[in-house]
Amino acid sequence: MTYVDVDGTIGLPKDTDFNDLPWFYVDYDAKFDLKDLSGASIVDLAKRLETDQTLARAFEFNRMGVDTENTRQVAEGLAAY
């Protein structure tokens, strides 16, 4: 998934290059070992999320487009959640 940090775009010039926008990429394979969207892969991920609260929190935040390494986004994500 790919997200843009809309708040991070405030004050940028109108002609800011697309590649210079504050993008956040979530690689579900690398971060959550979700190889595909088959039922078996989703069930496997759900089982891991049930037993690993840290992983579940990261998954939920990332699913909402929140970068868990960005303090402002985490605070805003908690407020929105």
PDB file of N, CA and C in Angstrom:
ATOM      1  N   MET A   1       0.853  -1.170   0.000  1.00  0.00           N
ATOM      2  CA  MET A   1       0.000   0.000   0.000  1.00  0.00           C
ATOM      3  C   MET A   1       0.896   1.230   0.000  1.00  0.00           C
ATOM      4  N   THR A   2       0.394   2.284  -0.571  1.00  0.00           N
ATOM      5  CA  THR A   2       1.127   3.536  -0.645  1.00  0.00           C
ATOM      6  C   THR A   2       0.235   4.652  -0.135  1.00  0.00           C
ATOM      7  N   TYR A   3       0.782   5.458   0.754  1.00  0.00           N
ATOM      8  CA  TYR A   3       0.049   6.574   1.339  1.00  0.00           C
ATOM      9  C   TYR A   3       0.899   7.831   1.222  1.00  0.00           C
ATOM     10  N   VAL A   4       0.232   8.975   1.172  1.00  0.00           N
ATOM     11  CA  VAL A   4       0.945  10.245   1.242  1.00  0.00           C
ATOM     12  C   VAL A   4       0.551  10.909   2.560  1.00  0.00           C
ATOM     13  N   ASP A   5       1.539  11.482   3.244  1.00  0.00           N
ATOM     14  CA  ASP A   5       1.303  12.195   4.494  1.00  0.00           C
ATOM     15  C   ASP A   5       0.771  13.581   4.127  1.00  0.00           C
ATOM     16  N   VAL A   6      -0.554  13.730   4.122  1.00  0.00           N
ATOM     17  CA  VAL A   6      -1.187  14.972   3.683  1.00  0.00           C
ATOM     18  C   VAL A   6      -0.711  16.150   4.524  1.00  0.00           C
ATOM     19  N   ASP A   7      -0.621  15.968   5.846  1.00  0.00           N
ATOM     20  CA  ASP A   7      -0.129  17.059   6.700  1.00  0.00           C
ATOM     21  C   ASP A   7       1.284  17.461   6.310  1.00  0.00           C
ATOM     22  N   GLY A   8       2.067  16.497   5.855  1.00  0.00           N
ATOM     23  CA  GLY A   8       3.440  16.775   5.452  1.00  0.00           C
ATOM     24  C   GLY A   8       3.538  17.559   4.155  1.00  0.00           C
ATOM     25  N   THR A   9       2.428  17.695   3.455  1.00  0.00           N
ATOM     26  CA  THR A   9       2.436  18.459   2.206  1.00  0.00           C
ATOM     27  C   THR A   9       2.105  19.926   2.426  1.00  0.00           C
ATOM     28  N   ILE A  10       1.616  20.255   3.618  1.00  0.00           N
ATOM     29  CA  ILE A  10       1.234  21.649   3.903  1.00  0.00           C
ATOM     30  C   ILE A  10       2.467  22.536   3.801  1.00  0.00           C
ATOM     31  N   GLY A  11       2.344  23.584   3.017  1.00  0.00           N
ATOM     32  CA  GLY A  11       3.425  24.540   2.850  1.00  0.00           C
ATOM     33  C   GLY A  11       4.379  24.205   1.717  1.00  0.00           C
ATOM     34  N   LEU A  12       4.210  23.044   1.100  1.00  0.00           N
ATOM     35  CA  LEU A  12       5.066  22.717  -0.035  1.00  0.00           C
ATOM     36  C   LEU A  12       4.624  23.543  -1.250  1.00  0.00           C
ATOM     37  N   PRO A  13       5.561  23.918  -2.089  1.00  0.00           N
ATOM     38  CA  PRO A  13       5.196  24.676  -3.287  1.00  0.00           C
ATOM     39  C   PRO A  13       4.264  23.868  -4.190  1.00  0.00           C
ATOM     40  N   LYS A  14       3.413  24.578  -4.953  1.00  0.00           N
ATOM     41  CA  LYS A  14       2.480  23.916  -5.867  1.00  0.00           C
ATOM     42  C   LYS A  14       3.186  23.007  -6.853  1.00  0.00           C
ATOM     43  N   ASP A  15       4.393  23.375  -7.217  1.00  0.00           N
ATOM     44  CA  ASP A  15       5.105  22.612  -8.242  1.00  0.00           C
ATOM     45  C   ASP A  15       6.046  21.551  -7.651  1.00  0.00           C
ATOM     46  N   THR A  16       5.793  21.154  -6.404  1.00  0.00           N
ATOM     47  CA  THR A  16       6.608  20.101  -5.787  1.00  0.00           C
ATOM     48  C   THR A  16       6.503  18.838  -6.625  1.00  0.00           C
ATOM     49  N   ASP A  17       7.636  18.257  -6.916  1.00  0.00           N
ATOM     50  CA  ASP A  17       7.679  17.040  -7.720  1.00  0.00           C
ATOM     51  C   ASP A  17       6.987  15.901  -6.983  1.00  0.00           C
ATOM     52  N   PHE A  18       6.285  15.082  -7.727  1.00  0.00           N
ATOM     53  CA  PHE A  18       5.577  13.918  -7.194  1.00  0.00           C
ATOM     54  C   PHE A  18       6.480  13.070  -6.299  1.00  0.00           C
ATOM     55  N   ASN A  19       7.706  12.856  -6.729  1.00  0.00           N
ATOM     56  CA  ASN A  19       8.645  12.018  -5.974  1.00  0.00           C
ATOM     57  C   ASN A  19       9.149  12.683  -4.701  1.00  0.00           C
ATOM     58  N   ASP A  20       8.938  13.993  -4.566  1.00  0.00           N
ATOM     59  CA  ASP A  20       9.382  14.705  -3.373  1.00  0.00           C
ATOM     60  C   ASP A  20       8.298  14.817  -2.311  1.00  0.00           C
ATOM     61  N   LEU A  21       7.132  14.271  -2.586  1.00  0.00           N
ATOM     62  CA  LEU A  21       6.063  14.279  -1.590  1.00  0.00           C
ATOM     63  C   LEU A  21       6.393  13.261  -0.496  1.00  0.00           C
ATOM     64  N   PRO A  22       5.855  13.466   0.713  1.00  0.00           N
ATOM     65  CA  PRO A  22       6.166  12.557   1.826  1.00  0.00           C
ATOM     66  C   PRO A  22       5.363  11.252   1.744  1.00  0.00           C
ATOM     67  N   TRP A  23       5.898  10.294   1.004  1.00  0.00           N
ATOM     68  CA  TRP A  23       5.238   9.011   0.799  1.00  0.00           C
ATOM     69  C   TRP A  23       5.541   8.044   1.935  1.00  0.00           C
ATOM     70  N   PHE A  24       4.598   7.181   2.207  1.00  0.00           N
ATOM     71  CA  PHE A  24       4.761   6.107   3.178  1.00  0.00           C
ATOM     72  C   PHE A  24       4.328   4.817   2.486  1.00  0.00           C
ATOM     73  N   TYR A  25       5.236   3.857   2.418  1.00  0.00           N
ATOM     74  CA  TYR A  25       4.986   2.595   1.745  1.00  0.00           C
ATOM     75  C   TYR A  25       4.885   1.473   2.779  1.00  0.00           C
ATOM     76  N   VAL A  26       3.881   0.642   2.647  1.00  0.00           N
ATOM     77  CA  VAL A  26       3.739  -0.526   3.519  1.00  0.00           C
ATOM     78  C   VAL A  26       3.903  -1.767   2.646  1.00  0.00           C
ATOM     79  N   ASP A  27       4.955  -2.516   2.916  1.00  0.00           N
ATOM     80  CA  ASP A  27       5.207  -3.768   2.214  1.00  0.00           C
ATOM     81  C   ASP A  27       4.694  -4.889   3.122  1.00  0.00           C
ATOM     82  N   TYR A  28       3.493  -5.341   2.848  1.00  0.00           N
ATOM     83  CA  TYR A  28       2.854  -6.345   3.706  1.00  0.00           C
ATOM     84  C   TYR A  28       3.611  -7.676   3.708  1.00  0.00           C
ATOM     85  N   ASP A  29       4.314  -7.958   2.641  1.00  0.00           N
ATOM     86  CA  ASP A  29       5.112  -9.180   2.600  1.00  0.00           C
ATOM     87  C   ASP A  29       6.294  -9.053   3.561  1.00  0.00           C
ATOM     88  N   ALA A  30       7.039  -7.963   3.443  1.00  0.00           N
ATOM     89  CA  ALA A  30       8.231  -7.775   4.271  1.00  0.00           C
ATOM     90  C   ALA A  30       7.890  -7.553   5.747  1.00  0.00           C
ATOM     91  N   LYS A  31       6.871  -6.735   6.021  1.00  0.00           N
ATOM     92  CA  LYS A  31       6.553  -6.386   7.408  1.00  0.00           C
ATOM     93  C   LYS A  31       5.711  -7.431   8.128  1.00  0.00           C
ATOM     94  N   PHE A  32       4.786  -8.052   7.393  1.00  0.00           N
ATOM     95  CA  PHE A  32       3.813  -8.924   8.047  1.00  0.00           C
ATOM     96  C   PHE A  32       3.785 -10.338   7.478  1.00  0.00           C
ATOM     97  N   ASP A  33       4.722 -10.639   6.586  1.00  0.00           N
ATOM     98  CA  ASP A  33       4.829 -11.958   5.965  1.00  0.00           C
ATOM     99  C   ASP A  33       3.520 -12.390   5.307  1.00  0.00           C
ATOM    100  N   LEU A  34       2.823 -11.419   4.706  1.00  0.00           N
ATOM    101  CA  LEU A  34       1.601 -11.710   3.969  1.00  0.00           C
ATOM    102  C   LEU A  34       1.981 -11.843   2.500  1.00  0.00           C
ATOM    103  N   LYS A  35       2.103 -13.062   2.055  1.00  0.00           N
ATOM    104  CA  LYS A  35       2.613 -13.344   0.708  1.00  0.00           C
ATOM    105  C   LYS A  35       1.588 -13.066  -0.382  1.00  0.00           C
ATOM    106  N   ASP A  36       0.316 -13.358  -0.085  1.00  0.00           N
ATOM    107  CA  ASP A  36      -0.747 -13.165  -1.066  1.00  0.00           C
ATOM    108  C   ASP A  36      -2.062 -13.005  -0.305  1.00  0.00           C
ATOM    109  N   LEU A  37      -3.147 -12.870  -1.036  1.00  0.00           N
ATOM    110  CA  LEU A  37      -4.445 -12.666  -0.396  1.00  0.00           C
ATOM    111  C   LEU A  37      -5.287 -13.939  -0.390  1.00  0.00           C
ATOM    112  N   SER A  38      -4.608 -15.074  -0.384  1.00  0.00           N
ATOM    113  CA  SER A  38      -5.334 -16.342  -0.297  1.00  0.00           C
ATOM    114  C   SER A  38      -5.896 -16.496   1.120  1.00  0.00           C
ATOM    115  N   GLY A  39      -6.914 -17.313   1.242  1.00  0.00           N
ATOM    116  CA  GLY A  39      -7.505 -17.553   2.557  1.00  0.00           C
ATOM    117  C   GLY A  39      -6.487 -18.064   3.564  1.00  0.00           C
ATOM    118  N   ALA A  40      -5.609 -18.961   3.124  1.00  0.00           N
ATOM    119  CA  ALA A  40      -4.605 -19.539   4.025  1.00  0.00           C
ATOM    120  C   ALA A  40      -3.638 -18.469   4.531  1.00  0.00           C
ATOM    121  N   SER A  41      -3.201 -17.568   3.652  1.00  0.00           N
ATOM    122  CA  SER A  41      -2.278 -16.501   4.067  1.00  0.00           C
ATOM    123  C   SER A  41      -2.940 -15.545   5.045  1.00  0.00           C
ATOM    124  N   ILE A  42      -4.202 -15.230   4.785  1.00  0.00           N
ATOM    125  CA  ILE A  42      -4.925 -14.300   5.656  1.00  0.00           C
ATOM    126  C   ILE A  42      -5.172 -14.935   7.025  1.00  0.00           C
ATOM    127  N   VAL A  43      -5.539 -16.210   7.043  1.00  0.00           N
ATOM    128  CA  VAL A  43      -5.738 -16.909   8.322  1.00  0.00           C
ATOM    129  C   VAL A  43      -4.431 -16.957   9.096  1.00  0.00           C
ATOM    130  N   ASP A  44      -3.325 -17.244   8.419  1.00  0.00           N
ATOM    131  CA  ASP A  44      -2.016 -17.286   9.073  1.00  0.00           C
ATOM    132  C   ASP A  44      -1.678 -15.926   9.685  1.00  0.00           C
ATOM    133  N   LEU A  45      -1.910 -14.860   8.932  1.00  0.00           N
ATOM    134  CA  LEU A  45      -1.656 -13.517   9.465  1.00  0.00           C
ATOM    135  C   LEU A  45      -2.553 -13.237  10.667  1.00  0.00           C
ATOM    136  N   ALA A  46      -3.822 -13.572  10.571  1.00  0.00           N
ATOM    137  CA  ALA A  46      -4.756 -13.330  11.681  1.00  0.00           C
ATOM    138  C   ALA A  46      -4.297 -14.055  12.947  1.00  0.00           C
ATOM    139  N   LYS A  47      -3.809 -15.263  12.805  1.00  0.00           N
ATOM    140  CA  LYS A  47      -3.321 -16.015  13.970  1.00  0.00           C
ATOM    141  C   LYS A  47      -2.115 -15.325  14.598  1.00  0.00           C
ATOM    142  N   ARG A  48      -1.209 -14.826  13.746  1.00  0.00           N
ATOM    143  CA  ARG A  48      -0.034 -14.119  14.282  1.00  0.00           C
ATOM    144  C   ARG A  48      -0.448 -12.815  14.961  1.00  0.00           C
ATOM    145  N   LEU A  49      -1.422 -12.119  14.390  1.00  0.00           N
ATOM    146  CA  LEU A  49      -1.885 -10.870  14.994  1.00  0.00           C
ATOM    147  C   LEU A  49      -2.562 -11.106  16.340  1.00  0.00           C
ATOM    148  N   GLU A  50      -3.262 -12.239  16.469  1.00  0.00           N
ATOM    149  CA  GLU A  50      -3.917 -12.582  17.736  1.00  0.00           C
ATOM    150  C   GLU A  50      -2.922 -12.799  18.862  1.00  0.00           C
ATOM    151  N   THR A  51      -1.738 -13.297  18.540  1.00  0.00           N
ATOM    152  CA  THR A  51      -0.777 -13.658  19.581  1.00  0.00           C
ATOM    153  C   THR A  51       0.344 -12.634  19.757  1.00  0.00           C
ATOM    154  N   ASP A  52       0.407 -11.636  18.893  1.00  0.00           N
ATOM    155  CA  ASP A  52       1.487 -10.646  18.955  1.00  0.00           C
ATOM    156  C   ASP A  52       0.889  -9.243  18.918  1.00  0.00           C
ATOM    157  N   GLN A  53       0.691  -8.666  20.095  1.00  0.00           N
ATOM    158  CA  GLN A  53       0.031  -7.365  20.203  1.00  0.00           C
ATOM    159  C   GLN A  53       0.825  -6.256  19.498  1.00  0.00           C
ATOM    160  N   THR A  54       2.133  -6.311  19.561  1.00  0.00           N
ATOM    161  CA  THR A  54       2.962  -5.299  18.896  1.00  0.00           C
ATOM    162  C   THR A  54       2.782  -5.365  17.386  1.00  0.00           C
ATOM    163  N   LEU A  55       2.784  -6.574  16.847  1.00  0.00           N
ATOM    164  CA  LEU A  55       2.572  -6.757  15.420  1.00  0.00           C
ATOM    165  C   LEU A  55       1.165  -6.309  15.024  1.00  0.00           C
ATOM    166  N   ALA A  56       0.176  -6.643  15.851  1.00  0.00           N
ATOM    167  CA  ALA A  56      -1.206  -6.259  15.568  1.00  0.00           C
ATOM    168  C   ALA A  56      -1.361  -4.743  15.550  1.00  0.00           C
ATOM    169  N   ARG A  57      -0.715  -4.074  16.491  1.00  0.00           N
ATOM    170  CA  ARG A  57      -0.790  -2.605  16.536  1.00  0.00           C
ATOM    171  C   ARG A  57      -0.145  -2.013  15.284  1.00  0.00           C
ATOM    172  N   ALA A  58       1.024  -2.500  14.914  1.00  0.00           N
ATOM    173  CA  ALA A  58       1.703  -2.001  13.718  1.00  0.00           C
ATOM    174  C   ALA A  58       0.839  -2.245  12.484  1.00  0.00           C
ATOM    175  N   PHE A  59       0.238  -3.424  12.396  1.00  0.00           N
ATOM    176  CA  PHE A  59      -0.620  -3.749  11.256  1.00  0.00           C
ATOM    177  C   PHE A  59      -1.796  -2.788  11.174  1.00  0.00           C
ATOM    178  N   GLU A  60      -2.458  -2.576  12.285  1.00  0.00           N
ATOM    179  CA  GLU A  60      -3.642  -1.707  12.291  1.00  0.00           C
ATOM    180  C   GLU A  60      -3.276  -0.272  11.928  1.00  0.00           C
ATOM    181  N   PHE A  61      -2.193   0.226  12.493  1.00  0.00           N
ATOM    182  CA  PHE A  61      -1.757   1.580  12.152  1.00  0.00           C
ATOM    183  C   PHE A  61      -1.366   1.670  10.680  1.00  0.00           C
ATOM    184  N   ASN A  62      -0.574   0.717  10.211  1.00  0.00           N
ATOM    185  CA  ASN A  62      -0.137   0.750   8.814  1.00  0.00           C
ATOM    186  C   ASN A  62      -1.316   0.632   7.867  1.00  0.00           C
ATOM    187  N   ARG A  63      -2.310  -0.169   8.229  1.00  0.00           N
ATOM    188  CA  ARG A  63      -3.505  -0.319   7.414  1.00  0.00           C
ATOM    189  C   ARG A  63      -4.231   1.016   7.261  1.00  0.00           C
ATOM    190  N   MET A  64      -4.150   1.848   8.296  1.00  0.00           N
ATOM    191  CA  MET A  64      -4.781   3.182   8.265  1.00  0.00           C
ATOM    192  C   MET A  64      -3.882   4.221   7.595  1.00  0.00           C
ATOM    193  N   GLY A  65      -2.669   3.820   7.204  1.00  0.00           N
ATOM    194  CA  GLY A  65      -1.752   4.760   6.567  1.00  0.00           C
ATOM    195  C   GLY A  65      -0.870   5.496   7.545  1.00  0.00           C
ATOM    196  N   VAL A  66      -0.795   5.001   8.772  1.00  0.00           N
ATOM    197  CA  VAL A  66       0.014   5.635   9.818  1.00  0.00           C
ATOM    198  C   VAL A  66       1.381   4.969   9.884  1.00  0.00           C
ATOM    199  N   ASP A  67       2.414   5.784   9.754  1.00  0.00           N
ATOM    200  CA  ASP A  67       3.793   5.310   9.888  1.00  0.00           C
ATOM    201  C   ASP A  67       4.103   5.227  11.378  1.00  0.00           C
ATOM    202  N   THR A  68       4.309   4.030  11.899  1.00  0.00           N
ATOM    203  CA  THR A  68       4.517   3.846  13.335  1.00  0.00           C
ATOM    204  C   THR A  68       5.839   4.431  13.826  1.00  0.00           C
ATOM    205  N   GLU A  69       6.683   4.893  12.920  1.00  0.00           N
ATOM    206  CA  GLU A  69       7.928   5.547  13.326  1.00  0.00           C
ATOM    207  C   GLU A  69       7.790   7.066  13.308  1.00  0.00           C
ATOM    208  N   ASN A  70       6.590   7.565  13.045  1.00  0.00           N
ATOM    209  CA  ASN A  70       6.322   9.000  13.006  1.00  0.00           C
ATOM    210  C   ASN A  70       5.414   9.331  14.186  1.00  0.00           C
ATOM    211  N   THR A  71       5.976   9.987  15.209  1.00  0.00           N
ATOM    212  CA  THR A  71       5.255  10.267  16.452  1.00  0.00           C
ATOM    213  C   THR A  71       3.975  11.047  16.215  1.00  0.00           C
ATOM    214  N   ARG A  72       4.033  12.050  15.341  1.00  0.00           N
ATOM    215  CA  ARG A  72       2.831  12.855  15.059  1.00  0.00           C
ATOM    216  C   ARG A  72       1.738  11.991  14.458  1.00  0.00           C
ATOM    217  N   GLN A  73       2.103  11.151  13.503  1.00  0.00           N
ATOM    218  CA  GLN A  73       1.097  10.303  12.863  1.00  0.00           C
ATOM    219  C   GLN A  73       0.513   9.298  13.841  1.00  0.00           C
ATOM    220  N   VAL A  74       1.318   8.759  14.728  1.00  0.00           N
ATOM    221  CA  VAL A  74       0.819   7.800  15.712  1.00  0.00           C
ATOM    222  C   VAL A  74      -0.192   8.487  16.639  1.00  0.00           C
ATOM    223  N   ALA A  75       0.133   9.696  17.107  1.00  0.00           N
ATOM    224  CA  ALA A  75      -0.786  10.436  17.979  1.00  0.00           C
ATOM    225  C   ALA A  75      -2.094  10.717  17.244  1.00  0.00           C
ATOM    226  N   GLU A  76      -2.014  11.131  15.994  1.00  0.00           N
ATOM    227  CA  GLU A  76      -3.215  11.399  15.209  1.00  0.00           C
ATOM    228  C   GLU A  76      -3.979  10.106  14.912  1.00  0.00           C
ATOM    229  N   GLY A  77      -3.249   9.023  14.684  1.00  0.00           N
ATOM    230  CA  GLY A  77      -3.884   7.729  14.442  1.00  0.00           C
ATOM    231  C   GLY A  77      -4.637   7.241  15.667  1.00  0.00           C
ATOM    232  N   LEU A  78      -4.052   7.425  16.845  1.00  0.00           N
ATOM    233  CA  LEU A  78      -4.746   7.049  18.088  1.00  0.00           C
ATOM    234  C   LEU A  78      -5.996   7.854  18.269  1.00  0.00           C
ATOM    235  N   ALA A  79      -5.920   9.147  17.981  1.00  0.00           N
ATOM    236  CA  ALA A  79      -7.095  10.019  18.116  1.00  0.00           C
ATOM    237  C   ALA A  79      -8.183   9.580  17.128  1.00  0.00           C
ATOM    238  N   ALA A  80      -7.788   9.223  15.915  1.00  0.00           N
ATOM    239  CA  ALA A  80      -8.756   8.828  14.903  1.00  0.00           C
ATOM    240  C   ALA A  80      -9.357   7.451  15.214  1.00  0.00           C
ATOM    241  N   TYR A  81      -8.547   6.572  15.792  1.00  0.00           N
ATOM    242  CA  TYR A  81      -8.986   5.216  16.061  1.00  0.00           C
ATOM    243  C   TYR A  81     -10.008   5.204  17.160  1.00  0.00           C
TER     244      TYR A  81
END
